[in-house]
Amino acid sequence: MEQPFETQIYIFDTKSLSDKAVFDKLYKTVPEYRQKKIDFYQYDKDKRLSLGVGLVLSYALDKAGFDEQELEWAYHASGKPYFKNEPEIQFCLSHSEERAMCAISMERIGCDVEFITPDNEVDVEQWTKIESYAKAADIELSSLLDGKKIPDSKFIFRQVELNDGYKYTICSQNEIMPDQIWTLSLKDFL
């Protein structure tokens, strides 16, 4: 491990990846494992979301002082990914409709983004809390939904309002301050 880094949250609007030339250019910059994930998807929207979370993760790792190419992916029993050769890097990815989100930390962290519709506005706030907690605590979502587990009071929730039709929630063991939350644009990747 190079050195400790401060928790950071990154959010990106994947709509800007709709331009095929831009998409193709940035596709070539992500690691092969991410390209395979992108290629797996049938629909362009899903391909953009997969590329978007890949770009945001690469950006977050670079800002934290890591080269993604040197990191070995592995998965916990719950399915949550981690880096086998740098297990102290905690990260979480989420995407919805046209947003990609990445949280990176030296402590357990979870995040969730959901698109808000008139039918789900009330439920989305609670859902993003539950899902971000499940990711941070590395437990199965179903165990929270069926009441077998309850959230640990050691975790703190931070909801981010960008007034863009999405609900963003971060679950961590420490308070997330506004200067730790970044909205990225296409120029951050070009």
Protein backbone atom coordinates (compact mmCIF):
# COMPACT_ATOMS: atom_id res chain seq x y z
CA MET A 1 0.00 0.00 0.00
CA GLU A 2 1.36 3.40 -0.94
CA GLN A 3 -0.20 5.64 1.73
CA PRO A 4 -3.50 6.24 3.47
CA PHE A 5 -6.00 8.35 1.53
CA GLU A 6 -9.13 10.24 2.44
CA THR A 7 -12.56 8.86 1.60
CA GLN A 8 -13.87 10.25 -1.68
CA ILE A 9 -17.18 9.95 -3.52
CA TYR A 10 -17.40 10.41 -7.30
CA ILE A 11 -20.56 10.82 -9.40
CA PHE A 12 -20.69 10.87 -13.20
CA ASP A 13 -23.50 11.50 -15.72
CA THR A 14 -23.06 8.76 -18.35
CA LYS A 15 -25.26 10.58 -20.87
CA SER A 16 -22.08 12.14 -22.24
CA LEU A 17 -20.97 8.65 -23.35
CA SER A 18 -23.82 8.54 -25.92
CA ASP A 19 -21.48 9.90 -28.59
CA LYS A 20 -20.05 6.76 -30.25
CA ALA A 21 -16.63 8.32 -30.94
CA VAL A 22 -16.28 9.37 -27.28
CA PHE A 23 -17.50 5.98 -26.06
CA ASP A 24 -15.06 4.11 -28.32
CA LYS A 25 -12.14 6.31 -27.26
CA LEU A 26 -12.81 5.85 -23.54
CA TYR A 27 -13.60 2.13 -23.93
CA LYS A 28 -9.99 1.66 -25.04
CA THR A 29 -8.72 3.26 -21.81
CA VAL A 30 -10.36 0.85 -19.36
CA PRO A 31 -8.81 -2.49 -18.35
CA GLU A 32 -9.66 -5.67 -20.22
CA TYR A 33 -11.85 -7.04 -17.41
CA ARG A 34 -14.04 -3.90 -17.69
CA GLN A 35 -14.19 -4.18 -21.48
CA LYS A 36 -15.50 -7.74 -21.07
CA LYS A 37 -18.19 -6.52 -18.67
CA ILE A 38 -19.19 -3.80 -21.13
CA ASP A 39 -19.28 -6.27 -24.03
CA PHE A 40 -21.54 -8.58 -22.03
CA TYR A 41 -24.40 -6.06 -22.17
CA GLN A 42 -26.81 -5.98 -25.08
CA TYR A 43 -28.21 -2.46 -24.72
CA ASP A 44 -26.24 0.75 -25.25
CA LYS A 45 -27.53 2.28 -22.00
CA ASP A 46 -26.15 -0.66 -20.00
CA LYS A 47 -22.85 -0.47 -21.88
CA ARG A 48 -22.59 3.24 -21.02
CA LEU A 49 -23.32 2.55 -17.35
CA SER A 50 -20.69 -0.19 -17.21
CA LEU A 51 -18.13 2.02 -18.91
CA GLY A 52 -19.14 4.89 -16.61
CA VAL A 53 -18.57 2.96 -13.37
CA GLY A 54 -15.31 1.64 -14.81
CA LEU A 55 -14.10 5.14 -15.62
CA VAL A 56 -15.12 6.47 -12.21
CA LEU A 57 -13.38 3.58 -10.40
CA SER A 58 -10.19 4.05 -12.43
CA TYR A 59 -10.29 7.78 -11.70
CA ALA A 60 -10.86 7.21 -7.96
CA LEU A 61 -8.02 4.69 -7.73
CA ASP A 62 -5.66 7.02 -9.58
CA LYS A 63 -6.53 9.93 -7.28
CA ALA A 64 -5.90 7.64 -4.27
CA GLY A 65 -2.46 6.76 -5.66
CA PHE A 66 -3.11 3.31 -7.14
CA ASP A 67 -2.63 1.87 -10.61
CA GLU A 68 -5.70 -0.20 -11.42
CA GLN A 69 -3.67 -2.39 -13.78
CA GLU A 70 -1.66 -3.65 -10.77
CA LEU A 71 -4.68 -4.58 -8.65
CA GLU A 72 -5.99 -8.16 -8.47
CA TRP A 73 -9.77 -8.51 -8.35
CA ALA A 74 -11.40 -10.98 -5.96
CA TYR A 75 -14.89 -11.37 -4.53
CA HIS A 76 -16.24 -11.88 -1.01
CA ALA A 77 -18.84 -14.60 -0.46
CA SER A 78 -21.52 -11.88 -0.74
CA GLY A 79 -20.28 -11.01 -4.23
CA LYS A 80 -18.76 -7.68 -3.21
CA PRO A 81 -15.49 -7.11 -5.09
CA TYR A 82 -12.18 -6.23 -3.46
CA PHE A 83 -8.51 -6.13 -4.42
CA LYS A 84 -6.66 -9.21 -3.23
CA ASN A 85 -3.26 -7.49 -3.20
CA GLU A 86 -4.59 -4.27 -1.57
CA PRO A 87 -7.44 -5.44 0.71
CA GLU A 88 -7.38 -2.22 2.72
CA ILE A 89 -8.83 -0.35 -0.27
CA GLN A 90 -12.57 -0.29 0.32
CA PHE A 91 -14.73 0.70 -2.63
CA CYS A 92 -18.29 0.51 -3.80
CA LEU A 93 -19.90 1.05 -7.19
CA SER A 94 -23.48 1.86 -8.09
CA HIS A 95 -25.35 2.98 -11.18
CA SER A 96 -28.88 3.84 -12.22
CA GLU A 97 -30.36 5.12 -15.49
CA GLU A 98 -27.65 7.67 -16.47
CA ARG A 99 -25.60 7.96 -13.28
CA ALA A 100 -22.48 6.12 -12.15
CA MET A 101 -21.17 6.41 -8.60
CA CYS A 102 -18.02 5.26 -6.83
CA ALA A 103 -17.08 5.51 -3.15
CA ILE A 104 -13.49 4.75 -2.14
CA SER A 105 -12.09 4.65 1.38
CA MET A 106 -9.71 3.03 3.85
CA GLU A 107 -12.79 2.03 5.88
CA ARG A 108 -15.94 0.10 5.09
CA ILE A 109 -18.11 2.05 2.71
CA GLY A 110 -21.21 1.56 0.63
CA CYS A 111 -23.10 3.70 -1.84
CA ASP A 112 -26.24 3.58 -3.89
CA VAL A 113 -27.80 5.79 -6.54
CA GLU A 114 -31.38 5.44 -7.74
CA PHE A 115 -33.43 7.34 -10.28
CA ILE A 116 -36.49 8.99 -8.74
CA THR A 117 -39.89 8.64 -10.37
CA PRO A 118 -43.23 9.99 -9.09
CA ASP A 119 -44.13 6.42 -8.05
CA ASN A 120 -40.99 5.67 -6.03
CA GLU A 121 -39.92 9.01 -4.53
CA VAL A 122 -40.67 8.08 -0.92
CA ASP A 123 -39.35 4.52 -1.15
CA VAL A 124 -36.10 5.49 -2.89
CA GLU A 125 -34.69 7.24 0.17
CA GLN A 126 -35.15 4.15 2.34
CA TRP A 127 -34.05 1.77 -0.42
CA THR A 128 -30.75 3.61 -1.01
CA LYS A 129 -30.04 3.50 2.73
CA ILE A 130 -30.67 -0.24 2.90
CA GLU A 131 -28.63 -1.01 -0.20
CA SER A 132 -25.70 1.23 0.74
CA TYR A 133 -25.63 -0.33 4.22
CA ALA A 134 -25.67 -3.88 2.80
CA LYS A 135 -22.69 -2.97 0.62
CA ALA A 136 -20.77 -1.26 3.45
CA ALA A 137 -21.41 -4.07 5.94
CA ASP A 138 -20.83 -6.71 3.24
CA ILE A 139 -24.03 -8.56 4.02
CA GLU A 140 -26.71 -9.90 1.75
CA LEU A 141 -29.46 -7.43 0.97
CA SER A 142 -32.09 -10.10 1.56
CA SER A 143 -31.05 -10.46 5.23
CA LEU A 144 -31.98 -6.79 5.77
CA LEU A 145 -35.19 -7.01 3.79
CA ASP A 146 -36.47 -10.06 5.65
CA GLY A 147 -35.53 -8.61 9.06
CA LYS A 148 -32.83 -11.17 9.93
CA LYS A 149 -30.30 -8.35 10.31
CA ILE A 150 -30.67 -4.74 11.37
CA PRO A 151 -28.25 -1.91 10.53
CA ASP A 152 -25.32 -1.48 12.91
CA SER A 153 -25.34 1.90 14.66
CA LYS A 154 -21.59 2.29 13.91
CA PHE A 155 -22.52 3.31 10.38
CA ILE A 156 -23.50 6.83 9.30
CA PHE A 157 -25.66 7.68 6.30
CA ARG A 158 -25.10 10.71 4.10
CA GLN A 159 -27.62 11.56 1.43
CA VAL A 160 -26.47 13.84 -1.36
CA GLU A 161 -28.85 16.24 -3.08
CA LEU A 162 -27.82 17.32 -6.56
CA ASN A 163 -31.38 18.18 -7.68
CA ASP A 164 -30.94 16.05 -10.77
CA GLY A 165 -33.71 13.49 -10.27
CA TYR A 166 -31.53 10.95 -8.44
CA LYS A 167 -31.08 9.94 -4.82
CA TYR A 168 -27.48 9.33 -3.73
CA THR A 169 -26.72 7.67 -0.40
CA ILE A 170 -23.37 6.86 1.19
CA CYS A 171 -22.99 4.59 4.20
CA SER A 172 -19.69 4.77 6.08
CA GLN A 173 -18.18 4.55 9.53
CA ASN A 174 -17.24 8.24 9.49
CA GLU A 175 -19.05 11.40 8.45
CA ILE A 176 -18.72 12.26 4.77
CA MET A 177 -18.14 15.97 4.26
CA PRO A 178 -19.23 17.98 1.18
CA ASP A 179 -15.60 18.46 0.05
CA GLN A 180 -15.29 14.66 -0.29
CA ILE A 181 -18.03 14.46 -2.92
CA TRP A 182 -17.16 15.17 -6.54
CA THR A 183 -19.25 15.33 -9.70
CA LEU A 184 -17.13 14.38 -12.66
CA SER A 185 -17.54 15.39 -16.27
CA LEU A 186 -16.27 13.97 -19.53
CA LYS A 187 -13.21 16.22 -19.45
CA ASP A 188 -12.02 14.39 -16.31
CA PHE A 189 -11.52 11.27 -18.45
CA LEU A 190 -10.19 12.76 -21.70
